Amino acid sequence: MTNSTAIDPRYLIGEYEPKPFSIPQKIEWLADIKFLPLQVENAILNLDENQL
């Protein structure tokens, strides 16, 4: 008997389902990628060695 509520370890956030996207969505995704390093840098700026 299989448990239908068990999480498949290959798809921890769910199985990939391709979905259509728009140009504005693509621009938003690219901006997320572009600014992520700066956001991470700002997030850790005032952390000391132990917090890192």
N, C-alpha and C. Protein backbone atom coordinates (compact mmCIF):
# COMPACT_ATOMS: atom_id res chain seq x y z
N MET A 1 0.85 -1.19 0.00
CA MET A 1 0.00 0.00 0.00
C MET A 1 0.89 1.25 0.00
N THR A 2 0.61 2.17 -0.86
CA THR A 2 1.40 3.40 -0.94
C THR A 2 0.67 4.53 -0.25
N ASN A 3 1.45 5.43 0.29
CA ASN A 3 0.90 6.59 0.96
C ASN A 3 0.90 7.75 -0.03
N SER A 4 -0.27 8.21 -0.45
CA SER A 4 -0.37 9.26 -1.46
C SER A 4 0.06 10.63 -0.93
N THR A 5 0.18 10.77 0.40
CA THR A 5 0.59 12.05 0.96
C THR A 5 2.10 12.12 1.18
N ALA A 6 2.81 11.02 0.94
CA ALA A 6 4.27 11.02 1.11
C ALA A 6 4.91 11.93 0.07
N ILE A 7 5.95 12.62 0.47
CA ILE A 7 6.66 13.52 -0.43
C ILE A 7 7.72 12.74 -1.18
N ASP A 8 7.69 12.83 -2.48
CA ASP A 8 8.70 12.19 -3.32
C ASP A 8 10.00 12.95 -3.12
N PRO A 9 11.07 12.31 -2.63
CA PRO A 9 12.32 13.04 -2.35
C PRO A 9 12.96 13.64 -3.60
N ARG A 10 12.54 13.23 -4.77
CA ARG A 10 13.08 13.83 -5.99
C ARG A 10 12.47 15.19 -6.27
N TYR A 11 11.30 15.45 -5.70
CA TYR A 11 10.58 16.70 -5.98
C TYR A 11 10.13 17.34 -4.67
N LEU A 12 11.10 17.84 -3.90
CA LEU A 12 10.78 18.37 -2.57
C LEU A 12 9.84 19.56 -2.60
N ILE A 13 9.87 20.33 -3.66
CA ILE A 13 8.97 21.49 -3.76
C ILE A 13 7.86 21.23 -4.76
N GLY A 14 7.72 20.00 -5.17
CA GLY A 14 6.69 19.63 -6.13
C GLY A 14 7.29 19.32 -7.49
N GLU A 15 6.62 18.48 -8.22
CA GLU A 15 7.10 18.11 -9.55
C GLU A 15 6.98 19.31 -10.48
N TYR A 16 7.95 19.46 -11.36
CA TYR A 16 7.98 20.59 -12.30
C TYR A 16 6.78 20.53 -13.24
N GLU A 17 6.11 21.65 -13.35
CA GLU A 17 4.99 21.78 -14.28
C GLU A 17 5.24 23.03 -15.13
N PRO A 18 5.60 22.85 -16.40
CA PRO A 18 5.84 24.03 -17.23
C PRO A 18 4.57 24.88 -17.35
N LYS A 19 4.77 26.18 -17.29
CA LYS A 19 3.65 27.12 -17.40
C LYS A 19 4.04 28.23 -18.36
N PRO A 20 3.06 28.76 -19.07
CA PRO A 20 3.38 29.88 -19.96
C PRO A 20 3.79 31.11 -19.15
N PHE A 21 4.60 31.96 -19.76
CA PHE A 21 5.00 33.18 -19.08
C PHE A 21 4.92 34.34 -20.07
N SER A 22 4.95 35.54 -19.51
CA SER A 22 4.87 36.74 -20.33
C SER A 22 6.22 37.45 -20.31
N ILE A 23 6.37 38.38 -21.20
CA ILE A 23 7.60 39.18 -21.24
C ILE A 23 7.78 39.96 -19.93
N PRO A 24 6.73 40.58 -19.38
CA PRO A 24 6.92 41.26 -18.07
C PRO A 24 7.36 40.29 -16.97
N GLN A 25 6.85 39.06 -16.98
CA GLN A 25 7.28 38.07 -16.00
C GLN A 25 8.74 37.72 -16.19
N LYS A 26 9.17 37.59 -17.44
CA LYS A 26 10.57 37.29 -17.74
C LYS A 26 11.47 38.43 -17.26
N ILE A 27 11.07 39.66 -17.48
CA ILE A 27 11.84 40.82 -17.04
C ILE A 27 11.95 40.83 -15.51
N GLU A 28 10.86 40.48 -14.83
CA GLU A 28 10.87 40.44 -13.37
C GLU A 28 11.83 39.35 -12.88
N TRP A 29 11.80 38.18 -13.51
CA TRP A 29 12.71 37.09 -13.11
C TRP A 29 14.16 37.49 -13.32
N LEU A 30 14.45 38.13 -14.44
CA LEU A 30 15.83 38.54 -14.72
C LEU A 30 16.30 39.60 -13.73
N ALA A 31 15.40 40.49 -13.33
CA ALA A 31 15.75 41.50 -12.32
C ALA A 31 16.03 40.82 -10.98
N ASP A 32 15.24 39.80 -10.64
CA ASP A 32 15.49 39.05 -9.40
C ASP A 32 16.89 38.46 -9.41
N ILE A 33 17.27 37.87 -10.52
CA ILE A 33 18.60 37.27 -10.65
C ILE A 33 19.68 38.35 -10.59
N LYS A 34 19.45 39.46 -11.28
CA LYS A 34 20.44 40.53 -11.34
C LYS A 34 20.72 41.13 -9.96
N PHE A 35 19.67 41.33 -9.16
CA PHE A 35 19.83 42.04 -7.89
C PHE A 35 20.05 41.12 -6.70
N LEU A 36 19.96 39.81 -6.87
CA LEU A 36 20.14 38.90 -5.75
C LEU A 36 21.50 39.06 -5.07
N PRO A 37 22.61 39.12 -5.80
CA PRO A 37 23.90 39.29 -5.09
C PRO A 37 23.94 40.55 -4.22
N LEU A 38 23.41 41.65 -4.69
CA LEU A 38 23.39 42.88 -3.90
C LEU A 38 22.50 42.72 -2.66
N GLN A 39 21.37 42.06 -2.82
CA GLN A 39 20.48 41.84 -1.69
C GLN A 39 21.13 40.95 -0.63
N VAL A 40 21.84 39.93 -1.07
CA VAL A 40 22.55 39.05 -0.13
C VAL A 40 23.66 39.84 0.57
N GLU A 41 24.41 40.62 -0.18
CA GLU A 41 25.47 41.44 0.41
C GLU A 41 24.90 42.37 1.47
N ASN A 42 23.80 43.03 1.17
CA ASN A 42 23.17 43.93 2.14
C ASN A 42 22.66 43.19 3.36
N ALA A 43 22.17 41.97 3.16
CA ALA A 43 21.63 41.19 4.27
C ALA A 43 22.72 40.77 5.25
N ILE A 44 23.93 40.54 4.76
CA ILE A 44 25.00 40.06 5.65
C ILE A 44 25.99 41.16 6.03
N LEU A 45 25.77 42.37 5.58
CA LEU A 45 26.70 43.46 5.78
C LEU A 45 27.12 43.67 7.23
N ASN A 46 26.18 43.64 8.15
CA ASN A 46 26.48 43.93 9.54
C ASN A 46 26.59 42.69 10.42
N LEU A 47 26.73 41.53 9.83
CA LEU A 47 26.86 40.30 10.61
C LEU A 47 28.32 40.10 11.00
N ASP A 48 28.53 39.59 12.21
CA ASP A 48 29.90 39.30 12.62
C ASP A 48 30.26 37.87 12.20
N GLU A 49 31.48 37.45 12.52
CA GLU A 49 31.98 36.16 12.09
C GLU A 49 31.11 35.00 12.59
N ASN A 50 30.65 35.09 13.83
CA ASN A 50 29.81 34.03 14.40
C ASN A 50 28.46 33.94 13.71
N GLN A 51 27.91 35.07 13.31
CA GLN A 51 26.61 35.07 12.65
C GLN A 51 26.69 34.56 11.21
N LEU A 52 27.87 34.68 10.61
CA LEU A 52 28.03 34.18 9.25
C LEU A 52 28.14 32.68 9.28
